[in-house]
PDB file of N, CA and C in Angstrom:
ATOM      1  N   MET A   1     -10.081  33.102  34.156  1.00  0.00           N
ATOM      2  CA  MET A   1      -9.814  34.412  33.603  1.00  0.00           C
ATOM      3  C   MET A   1      -8.335  34.509  33.247  1.00  0.00           C
ATOM      4  N   ARG A   2      -8.058  34.975  32.053  1.00  0.00           N
ATOM      5  CA  ARG A   2      -6.680  35.122  31.592  1.00  0.00           C
ATOM      6  C   ARG A   2      -6.212  36.544  31.853  1.00  0.00           C
ATOM      7  N   ARG A   3      -5.047  36.653  32.406  1.00  0.00           N
ATOM      8  CA  ARG A   3      -4.469  37.974  32.658  1.00  0.00           C
ATOM      9  C   ARG A   3      -3.166  38.089  31.885  1.00  0.00           C
ATOM     10  N   ASP A   4      -3.030  39.172  31.137  1.00  0.00           N
ATOM     11  CA  ASP A   4      -1.797  39.402  30.388  1.00  0.00           C
ATOM     12  C   ASP A   4      -0.789  40.094  31.286  1.00  0.00           C
ATOM     13  N   TYR A   5       0.394  39.563  31.302  1.00  0.00           N
ATOM     14  CA  TYR A   5       1.483  40.139  32.070  1.00  0.00           C
ATOM     15  C   TYR A   5       2.512  40.704  31.111  1.00  0.00           C
ATOM     16  N   THR A   6       3.269  41.639  31.599  1.00  0.00           N
ATOM     17  CA  THR A   6       4.406  42.137  30.847  1.00  0.00           C
ATOM     18  C   THR A   6       5.648  41.858  31.664  1.00  0.00           C
ATOM     19  N   PHE A   7       6.611  41.264  31.009  1.00  0.00           N
ATOM     20  CA  PHE A   7       7.906  40.997  31.629  1.00  0.00           C
ATOM     21  C   PHE A   7       8.945  41.823  30.897  1.00  0.00           C
ATOM     22  N   TYR A   8       9.932  42.271  31.626  1.00  0.00           N
ATOM     23  CA  TYR A   8      10.928  43.188  31.095  1.00  0.00           C
ATOM     24  C   TYR A   8      12.316  42.574  31.182  1.00  0.00           C
ATOM     25  N   VAL A   9      13.064  42.693  30.109  1.00  0.00           N
ATOM     26  CA  VAL A   9      14.497  42.416  30.115  1.00  0.00           C
ATOM     27  C   VAL A   9      15.143  43.787  30.000  1.00  0.00           C
ATOM     28  N   TYR A  10      16.098  44.050  30.873  1.00  0.00           N
ATOM     29  CA  TYR A  10      16.633  45.416  30.938  1.00  0.00           C
ATOM     30  C   TYR A  10      18.137  45.392  31.168  1.00  0.00           C
ATOM     31  N   ILE A  11      18.749  46.533  30.857  1.00  0.00           N
ATOM     32  CA  ILE A  11      20.172  46.727  31.141  1.00  0.00           C
ATOM     33  C   ILE A  11      20.310  48.034  31.902  1.00  0.00           C
ATOM     34  N   MET A  12      20.977  47.947  33.046  1.00  0.00           N
ATOM     35  CA  MET A  12      21.336  49.117  33.845  1.00  0.00           C
ATOM     36  C   MET A  12      22.818  49.385  33.597  1.00  0.00           C
ATOM     37  N   ALA A  13      23.201  50.658  33.618  1.00  0.00           N
ATOM     38  CA  ALA A  13      24.603  51.023  33.403  1.00  0.00           C
ATOM     39  C   ALA A  13      25.056  52.011  34.464  1.00  0.00           C
ATOM     40  N   SER A  14      26.348  51.965  34.737  1.00  0.00           N
ATOM     41  CA  SER A  14      26.949  52.949  35.641  1.00  0.00           C
ATOM     42  C   SER A  14      27.571  54.056  34.796  1.00  0.00           C
ATOM     43  N   ARG A  15      27.944  55.132  35.432  1.00  0.00           N
ATOM     44  CA  ARG A  15      28.624  56.229  34.717  1.00  0.00           C
ATOM     45  C   ARG A  15      29.949  55.754  34.124  1.00  0.00           C
ATOM     46  N   SER A  16      30.577  54.778  34.767  1.00  0.00           N
ATOM     47  CA  SER A  16      31.863  54.288  34.274  1.00  0.00           C
ATOM     48  C   SER A  16      31.694  53.216  33.189  1.00  0.00           C
ATOM     49  N   GLY A  17      30.441  52.796  32.932  1.00  0.00           N
ATOM     50  CA  GLY A  17      30.203  51.855  31.840  1.00  0.00           C
ATOM     51  C   GLY A  17      29.951  50.416  32.242  1.00  0.00           C
ATOM     52  N   THR A  18      29.913  50.118  33.530  1.00  0.00           N
ATOM     53  CA  THR A  18      29.588  48.762  33.970  1.00  0.00           C
ATOM     54  C   THR A  18      28.136  48.471  33.619  1.00  0.00           C
ATOM     55  N   LEU A  19      27.863  47.262  33.136  1.00  0.00           N
ATOM     56  CA  LEU A  19      26.528  46.877  32.716  1.00  0.00           C
ATOM     57  C   LEU A  19      25.967  45.774  33.602  1.00  0.00           C
ATOM     58  N   TYR A  20      24.662  45.843  33.846  1.00  0.00           N
ATOM     59  CA  TYR A  20      23.943  44.810  34.589  1.00  0.00           C
ATOM     60  C   TYR A  20      22.714  44.435  33.767  1.00  0.00           C
ATOM     61  N   VAL A  21      22.562  43.149  33.452  1.00  0.00           N
ATOM     62  CA  VAL A  21      21.418  42.654  32.697  1.00  0.00           C
ATOM     63  C   VAL A  21      20.485  41.945  33.665  1.00  0.00           C
ATOM     64  N   GLY A  22      19.192  42.264  33.585  1.00  0.00           N
ATOM     65  CA  GLY A  22      18.226  41.643  34.476  1.00  0.00           C
ATOM     66  C   GLY A  22      16.884  41.423  33.817  1.00  0.00           C
ATOM     67  N   MET A  23      15.970  40.795  34.567  1.00  0.00           N
ATOM     68  CA  MET A  23      14.617  40.521  34.115  1.00  0.00           C
ATOM     69  C   MET A  23      13.682  40.714  35.296  1.00  0.00           C
ATOM     70  N   THR A  24      12.508  41.294  35.044  1.00  0.00           N
ATOM     71  CA  THR A  24      11.542  41.550  36.105  1.00  0.00           C
ATOM     72  C   THR A  24      10.133  41.626  35.539  1.00  0.00           C
ATOM     73  N   ASN A  25       9.157  41.558  36.414  1.00  0.00           N
ATOM     74  CA  ASN A  25       7.782  41.790  35.989  1.00  0.00           C
ATOM     75  C   ASN A  25       7.288  43.169  36.463  1.00  0.00           C
ATOM     76  N   ASP A  26       8.159  43.931  37.119  1.00  0.00           N
ATOM     77  CA  ASP A  26       7.804  45.269  37.603  1.00  0.00           C
ATOM     78  C   ASP A  26       9.029  46.169  37.443  1.00  0.00           C
ATOM     79  N   ILE A  27       9.135  46.807  36.291  1.00  0.00           N
ATOM     80  CA  ILE A  27      10.337  47.575  35.980  1.00  0.00           C
ATOM     81  C   ILE A  27      10.495  48.778  36.908  1.00  0.00           C
ATOM     82  N   LYS A  28       9.397  49.419  37.273  1.00  0.00           N
ATOM     83  CA  LYS A  28       9.492  50.576  38.160  1.00  0.00           C
ATOM     84  C   LYS A  28      10.090  50.181  39.510  1.00  0.00           C
ATOM     85  N   ARG A  29       9.536  49.138  40.103  1.00  0.00           N
ATOM     86  CA  ARG A  29      10.036  48.661  41.398  1.00  0.00           C
ATOM     87  C   ARG A  29      11.496  48.253  41.294  1.00  0.00           C
ATOM     88  N   ARG A  30      11.845  47.547  40.221  1.00  0.00           N
ATOM     89  CA  ARG A  30      13.207  47.027  40.086  1.00  0.00           C
ATOM     90  C   ARG A  30      14.225  48.147  39.924  1.00  0.00           C
ATOM     91  N   VAL A  31      13.900  49.162  39.125  1.00  0.00           N
ATOM     92  CA  VAL A  31      14.816  50.290  38.955  1.00  0.00           C
ATOM     93  C   VAL A  31      15.012  51.008  40.288  1.00  0.00           C
ATOM     94  N   GLU A  32      13.919  51.201  41.024  1.00  0.00           N
ATOM     95  CA  GLU A  32      14.025  51.829  42.342  1.00  0.00           C
ATOM     96  C   GLU A  32      14.904  50.999  43.272  1.00  0.00           C
ATOM     97  N   GLU A  33      14.779  49.675  43.212  1.00  0.00           N
ATOM     98  CA  GLU A  33      15.634  48.810  44.035  1.00  0.00           C
ATOM     99  C   GLU A  33      17.102  48.979  43.669  1.00  0.00           C
ATOM    100  N   HIS A  34      17.390  49.075  42.387  1.00  0.00           N
ATOM    101  CA  HIS A  34      18.783  49.286  41.962  1.00  0.00           C
ATOM    102  C   HIS A  34      19.306  50.622  42.484  1.00  0.00           C
ATOM    103  N   ARG A  35      18.495  51.630  42.406  1.00  0.00           N
ATOM    104  CA  ARG A  35      18.928  52.972  42.800  1.00  0.00           C
ATOM    105  C   ARG A  35      19.016  53.159  44.304  1.00  0.00           C
ATOM    106  N   ASN A  36      18.172  52.487  45.049  1.00  0.00           N
ATOM    107  CA  ASN A  36      18.087  52.708  46.496  1.00  0.00           C
ATOM    108  C   ASN A  36      18.592  51.536  47.321  1.00  0.00           C
ATOM    109  N   SER A  37      19.303  50.641  46.699  1.00  0.00           N
ATOM    110  CA  SER A  37      19.729  49.431  47.395  1.00  0.00           C
ATOM    111  C   SER A  37      20.592  49.748  48.611  1.00  0.00           C
ATOM    112  N   GLU A  38      20.175  49.197  49.724  1.00  0.00           N
ATOM    113  CA  GLU A  38      20.972  49.331  50.941  1.00  0.00           C
ATOM    114  C   GLU A  38      21.796  48.080  51.188  1.00  0.00           C
ATOM    115  N   LYS A  39      21.408  46.981  50.532  1.00  0.00           N
ATOM    116  CA  LYS A  39      22.176  45.751  50.720  1.00  0.00           C
ATOM    117  C   LYS A  39      23.357  45.725  49.755  1.00  0.00           C
ATOM    118  N   GLU A  40      24.368  45.001  50.134  1.00  0.00           N
ATOM    119  CA  GLU A  40      25.546  44.874  49.298  1.00  0.00           C
ATOM    120  C   GLU A  40      25.211  43.971  48.105  1.00  0.00           C
ATOM    121  N   CYS A  41      25.287  44.537  46.922  1.00  0.00           N
ATOM    122  CA  CYS A  41      24.989  43.777  45.711  1.00  0.00           C
ATOM    123  C   CYS A  41      25.747  44.405  44.543  1.00  0.00           C
ATOM    124  N   PHE A  42      25.710  43.709  43.412  1.00  0.00           N
ATOM    125  CA  PHE A  42      26.457  44.128  42.231  1.00  0.00           C
ATOM    126  C   PHE A  42      26.153  45.569  41.845  1.00  0.00           C
ATOM    127  N   THR A  43      24.857  45.908  41.730  1.00  0.00           N
ATOM    128  CA  THR A  43      24.522  47.245  41.250  1.00  0.00           C
ATOM    129  C   THR A  43      24.920  48.339  42.232  1.00  0.00           C
ATOM    130  N   LYS A  44      24.938  48.038  43.520  1.00  0.00           N
ATOM    131  CA  LYS A  44      25.402  49.027  44.501  1.00  0.00           C
ATOM    132  C   LYS A  44      26.917  49.182  44.419  1.00  0.00           C
ATOM    133  N   TRP A  45      27.620  48.053  44.333  1.00  0.00           N
ATOM    134  CA  TRP A  45      29.088  48.115  44.266  1.00  0.00           C
ATOM    135  C   TRP A  45      29.562  48.905  43.055  1.00  0.00           C
ATOM    136  N   TYR A  46      28.869  48.728  41.924  1.00  0.00           N
ATOM    137  CA  TYR A  46      29.324  49.340  40.675  1.00  0.00           C
ATOM    138  C   TYR A  46      28.518  50.567  40.256  1.00  0.00           C
ATOM    139  N   GLY A  47      27.495  50.921  41.000  1.00  0.00           N
ATOM    140  CA  GLY A  47      26.729  52.127  40.708  1.00  0.00           C
ATOM    141  C   GLY A  47      25.889  52.053  39.448  1.00  0.00           C
ATOM    142  N   CYS A  48      25.334  50.893  39.170  1.00  0.00           N
ATOM    143  CA  CYS A  48      24.489  50.727  37.974  1.00  0.00           C
ATOM    144  C   CYS A  48      23.097  51.280  38.264  1.00  0.00           C
ATOM    145  N   THR A  49      22.893  52.550  37.957  1.00  0.00           N
ATOM    146  CA  THR A  49      21.643  53.217  38.314  1.00  0.00           C
ATOM    147  C   THR A  49      20.892  53.803  37.120  1.00  0.00           C
ATOM    148  N   ARG A  50      21.461  53.711  35.920  1.00  0.00           N
ATOM    149  CA  ARG A  50      20.795  54.262  34.732  1.00  0.00           C
ATOM    150  C   ARG A  50      20.199  53.135  33.895  1.00  0.00           C
ATOM    151  N   LEU A  51      18.907  53.220  33.611  1.00  0.00           N
ATOM    152  CA  LEU A  51      18.238  52.254  32.748  1.00  0.00           C
ATOM    153  C   LEU A  51      18.506  52.658  31.302  1.00  0.00           C
ATOM    154  N   VAL A  52      19.313  51.852  30.589  1.00  0.00           N
ATOM    155  CA  VAL A  52      19.706  52.232  29.233  1.00  0.00           C
ATOM    156  C   VAL A  52      19.094  51.347  28.153  1.00  0.00           C
ATOM    157  N   PHE A  53      18.458  50.241  28.560  1.00  0.00           N
ATOM    158  CA  PHE A  53      17.821  49.341  27.588  1.00  0.00           C
ATOM    159  C   PHE A  53      16.681  48.615  28.274  1.00  0.00           C
ATOM    160  N   VAL A  54      15.572  48.452  27.555  1.00  0.00           N
ATOM    161  CA  VAL A  54      14.461  47.653  28.077  1.00  0.00           C
ATOM    162  C   VAL A  54      13.693  47.040  26.913  1.00  0.00           C
ATOM    163  N   GLU A  55      13.300  45.793  27.099  1.00  0.00           N
ATOM    164  CA  GLU A  55      12.456  45.058  26.151  1.00  0.00           C
ATOM    165  C   GLU A  55      11.253  44.525  26.903  1.00  0.00           C
ATOM    166  N   PHE A  56      10.150  44.382  26.208  1.00  0.00           N
ATOM    167  CA  PHE A  56       8.923  43.875  26.806  1.00  0.00           C
ATOM    168  C   PHE A  56       8.620  42.495  26.251  1.00  0.00           C
ATOM    169  N   HIS A  57       8.179  41.589  27.124  1.00  0.00           N
ATOM    170  CA  HIS A  57       7.810  40.231  26.719  1.00  0.00           C
ATOM    171  C   HIS A  57       6.495  39.861  27.385  1.00  0.00           C
ATOM    172  N   GLN A  58       5.641  39.165  26.655  1.00  0.00           N
ATOM    173  CA  GLN A  58       4.356  38.750  27.208  1.00  0.00           C
ATOM    174  C   GLN A  58       4.507  37.547  28.136  1.00  0.00           C
ATOM    175  N   TYR A  59       5.440  36.671  27.807  1.00  0.00           N
ATOM    176  CA  TYR A  59       5.578  35.430  28.566  1.00  0.00           C
ATOM    177  C   TYR A  59       6.900  35.401  29.326  1.00  0.00           C
ATOM    178  N   VAL A  60       6.841  34.930  30.558  1.00  0.00           N
ATOM    179  CA  VAL A  60       8.025  34.906  31.412  1.00  0.00           C
ATOM    180  C   VAL A  60       9.125  34.037  30.810  1.00  0.00           C
ATOM    181  N   ILE A  61       8.784  32.935  30.199  1.00  0.00           N
ATOM    182  CA  ILE A  61       9.810  32.046  29.637  1.00  0.00           C
ATOM    183  C   ILE A  61      10.600  32.755  28.540  1.00  0.00           C
ATOM    184  N   ASN A  62       9.917  33.577  27.735  1.00  0.00           N
ATOM    185  CA  ASN A  62      10.626  34.335  26.697  1.00  0.00           C
ATOM    186  C   ASN A  62      11.578  35.352  27.304  1.00  0.00           C
ATOM    187  N   ALA A  63      11.143  35.998  28.382  1.00  0.00           N
ATOM    188  CA  ALA A  63      11.998  36.985  29.046  1.00  0.00           C
ATOM    189  C   ALA A  63      13.215  36.316  29.679  1.00  0.00           C
ATOM    190  N   ILE A  64      13.009  35.175  30.309  1.00  0.00           N
ATOM    191  CA  ILE A  64      14.130  34.449  30.929  1.00  0.00           C
ATOM    192  C   ILE A  64      15.137  34.020  29.874  1.00  0.00           C
ATOM    193  N   GLU A  65      14.642  33.493  28.761  1.00  0.00           N
ATOM    194  CA  GLU A  65      15.545  33.059  27.685  1.00  0.00           C
ATOM    195  C   GLU A  65      16.311  34.231  27.099  1.00  0.00           C
ATOM    196  N   ARG A  66      15.640  35.361  26.910  1.00  0.00           N
ATOM    197  CA  ARG A  66      16.297  36.542  26.346  1.00  0.00           C
ATOM    198  C   ARG A  66      17.343  37.101  27.311  1.00  0.00           C
ATOM    199  N   GLU A  67      17.016  37.143  28.596  1.00  0.00           N
ATOM    200  CA  GLU A  67      17.979  37.599  29.589  1.00  0.00           C
ATOM    201  C   GLU A  67      19.231  36.730  29.546  1.00  0.00           C
ATOM    202  N   SER A  68      19.051  35.429  29.506  1.00  0.00           N
ATOM    203  CA  SER A  68      20.190  34.501  29.448  1.00  0.00           C
ATOM    204  C   SER A  68      21.006  34.711  28.178  1.00  0.00           C
ATOM    205  N   GLN A  69      20.307  34.918  27.078  1.00  0.00           N
ATOM    206  CA  GLN A  69      20.994  35.149  25.807  1.00  0.00           C
ATOM    207  C   GLN A  69      21.878  36.385  25.889  1.00  0.00           C
ATOM    208  N   ILE A  70      21.295  37.503  26.349  1.00  0.00           N
ATOM    209  CA  ILE A  70      22.051  38.759  26.420  1.00  0.00           C
ATOM    210  C   ILE A  70      23.215  38.640  27.401  1.00  0.00           C
ATOM    211  N   LYS A  71      22.994  37.976  28.546  1.00  0.00           N
ATOM    212  CA  LYS A  71      24.076  37.804  29.521  1.00  0.00           C
ATOM    213  C   LYS A  71      25.260  37.035  28.934  1.00  0.00           C
ATOM    214  N   SER A  72      24.984  36.153  27.979  1.00  0.00           N
ATOM    215  CA  SER A  72      26.064  35.344  27.391  1.00  0.00           C
ATOM    216  C   SER A  72      26.864  36.108  26.334  1.00  0.00           C
ATOM    217  N   TRP A  73      26.378  37.246  25.906  1.00  0.00           N
ATOM    218  CA  TRP A  73      27.036  38.020  24.868  1.00  0.00           C
ATOM    219  C   TRP A  73      28.290  38.716  25.378  1.00  0.00           C
ATOM    220  N   THR A  74      29.130  39.093  24.431  1.00  0.00           N
ATOM    221  CA  THR A  74      30.300  39.907  24.759  1.00  0.00           C
ATOM    222  C   THR A  74      29.830  41.322  25.116  1.00  0.00           C
ATOM    223  N   ARG A  75      30.695  42.040  25.776  1.00  0.00           N
ATOM    224  CA  ARG A  75      30.371  43.435  26.118  1.00  0.00           C
ATOM    225  C   ARG A  75      30.080  44.239  24.859  1.00  0.00           C
ATOM    226  N   GLU A  76      30.858  44.025  23.820  1.00  0.00           N
ATOM    227  CA  GLU A  76      30.676  44.766  22.568  1.00  0.00           C
ATOM    228  C   GLU A  76      29.279  44.527  21.982  1.00  0.00           C
ATOM    229  N   LYS A  77      28.821  43.302  22.018  1.00  0.00           N
ATOM    230  CA  LYS A  77      27.503  42.986  21.475  1.00  0.00           C
ATOM    231  C   LYS A  77      26.393  43.616  22.332  1.00  0.00           C
ATOM    232  N   LYS A  78      26.579  43.643  23.653  1.00  0.00           N
ATOM    233  CA  LYS A  78      25.619  44.315  24.534  1.00  0.00           C
ATOM    234  C   LYS A  78      25.580  45.815  24.230  1.00  0.00           C
ATOM    235  N   GLU A  79      26.741  46.421  24.040  1.00  0.00           N
ATOM    236  CA  GLU A  79      26.802  47.852  23.720  1.00  0.00           C
ATOM    237  C   GLU A  79      26.118  48.132  22.388  1.00  0.00           C
ATOM    238  N   ASP A  80      26.313  47.247  21.412  1.00  0.00           N
ATOM    239  CA  ASP A  80      25.650  47.406  20.112  1.00  0.00           C
ATOM    240  C   ASP A  80      24.134  47.349  20.270  1.00  0.00           C
ATOM    241  N   LEU A  81      23.647  46.449  21.114  1.00  0.00           N
ATOM    242  CA  LEU A  81      22.212  46.342  21.372  1.00  0.00           C
ATOM    243  C   LEU A  81      21.687  47.634  21.980  1.00  0.00           C
ATOM    244  N   ILE A  82      22.385  48.157  22.972  1.00  0.00           N
ATOM    245  CA  ILE A  82      21.964  49.409  23.607  1.00  0.00           C
ATOM    246  C   ILE A  82      21.940  50.537  22.579  1.00  0.00           C
ATOM    247  N   ARG A  83      23.026  50.677  21.820  1.00  0.00           N
ATOM    248  CA  ARG A  83      23.111  51.758  20.826  1.00  0.00           C
ATOM    249  C   ARG A  83      22.043  51.640  19.741  1.00  0.00           C
ATOM    250  N   SER A  84      21.580  50.416  19.450  1.00  0.00           N
ATOM    251  CA  SER A  84      20.578  50.239  18.397  1.00  0.00           C
ATOM    252  C   SER A  84      19.245  50.891  18.753  1.00  0.00           C
ATOM    253  N   VAL A  85      18.951  51.045  20.026  1.00  0.00           N
ATOM    254  CA  VAL A  85      17.689  51.664  20.448  1.00  0.00           C
ATOM    255  C   VAL A  85      17.906  52.936  21.274  1.00  0.00           C
ATOM    256  N   ASN A  86      19.122  53.131  21.759  1.00  0.00           N
ATOM    257  CA  ASN A  86      19.412  54.262  22.641  1.00  0.00           C
ATOM    258  C   ASN A  86      20.844  54.742  22.367  1.00  0.00           C
ATOM    259  N   PRO A  87      21.059  55.365  21.204  1.00  0.00           N
ATOM    260  CA  PRO A  87      22.429  55.704  20.789  1.00  0.00           C
ATOM    261  C   PRO A  87      23.196  56.612  21.750  1.00  0.00           C
ATOM    262  N   LYS A  88      22.492  57.434  22.516  1.00  0.00           N
ATOM    263  CA  LYS A  88      23.161  58.352  23.446  1.00  0.00           C
ATOM    264  C   LYS A  88      23.214  57.810  24.869  1.00  0.00           C
ATOM    265  N   TRP A  89      22.749  56.577  25.054  1.00  0.00           N
ATOM    266  CA  TRP A  89      22.744  55.933  26.374  1.00  0.00           C
ATOM    267  C   TRP A  89      22.000  56.793  27.397  1.00  0.00           C
ATOM    268  N   ARG A  90      20.872  57.378  26.985  1.00  0.00           N
ATOM    269  CA  ARG A  90      20.051  58.163  27.905  1.00  0.00           C
ATOM    270  C   ARG A  90      19.438  57.248  28.962  1.00  0.00           C
ATOM    271  N   ASP A  91      19.129  57.824  30.104  1.00  0.00           N
ATOM    272  CA  ASP A  91      18.398  57.091  31.127  1.00  0.00           C
ATOM    273  C   ASP A  91      16.940  57.053  30.681  1.00  0.00           C
ATOM    274  N   LEU A  92      16.389  55.862  30.505  1.00  0.00           N
ATOM    275  CA  LEU A  92      15.046  55.683  29.935  1.00  0.00           C
ATOM    276  C   LEU A  92      13.931  55.695  30.978  1.00  0.00           C
ATOM    277  N   THR A  93      14.261  55.920  32.221  1.00  0.00           N
ATOM    278  CA  THR A  93      13.238  55.823  33.261  1.00  0.00           C
ATOM    279  C   THR A  93      12.115  56.837  33.079  1.00  0.00           C
ATOM    280  N   CYS A  94      12.415  58.043  32.655  1.00  0.00           N
ATOM    281  CA  CYS A  94      11.359  59.054  32.470  1.00  0.00           C
ATOM    282  C   CYS A  94      10.404  58.634  31.358  1.00  0.00           C
ATOM    283  N   GLU A  95      10.926  58.057  30.292  1.00  0.00           N
ATOM    284  CA  GLU A  95      10.093  57.633  29.171  1.00  0.00           C
ATOM    285  C   GLU A  95       9.140  56.514  29.572  1.00  0.00           C
ATOM    286  N   LEU A  96       9.514  55.738  30.580  1.00  0.00           N
ATOM    287  CA  LEU A  96       8.662  54.642  31.052  1.00  0.00           C
ATOM    288  C   LEU A  96       7.808  55.041  32.249  1.00  0.00           C
ATOM    289  N   GLY A  97       7.966  56.276  32.689  1.00  0.00           N
ATOM    290  CA  GLY A  97       7.217  56.733  33.846  1.00  0.00           C
ATOM    291  C   GLY A  97       7.704  56.132  35.145  1.00  0.00           C
ATOM    292  N   VAL A  98       8.975  55.823  35.178  1.00  0.00           N
ATOM    293  CA  VAL A  98       9.582  55.213  36.373  1.00  0.00           C
ATOM    294  C   VAL A  98      10.122  56.292  37.269  1.00  0.00           C
TER     295      VAL A  98
END
């Protein structure tokens, strides 16, 4: 039996503008982990709690490659990507039901 999965490449942002690029197969769980993290990690240190960009991929290899690609970009190019789909940098969690 074939099961279709959805993988997500996403960008979290802090109020001060720090960006975190990640990949997951459960965007709701991952956003909650970023917001409620009790362990010391990048998103807790910098307050990256707003989901400002998300892409969907059917295959994990495509999501991993895209995450790596975006991580290698300059900050300006990442900001351009966010603005291309979310010009006001709104938190997208409500739109995804997160």
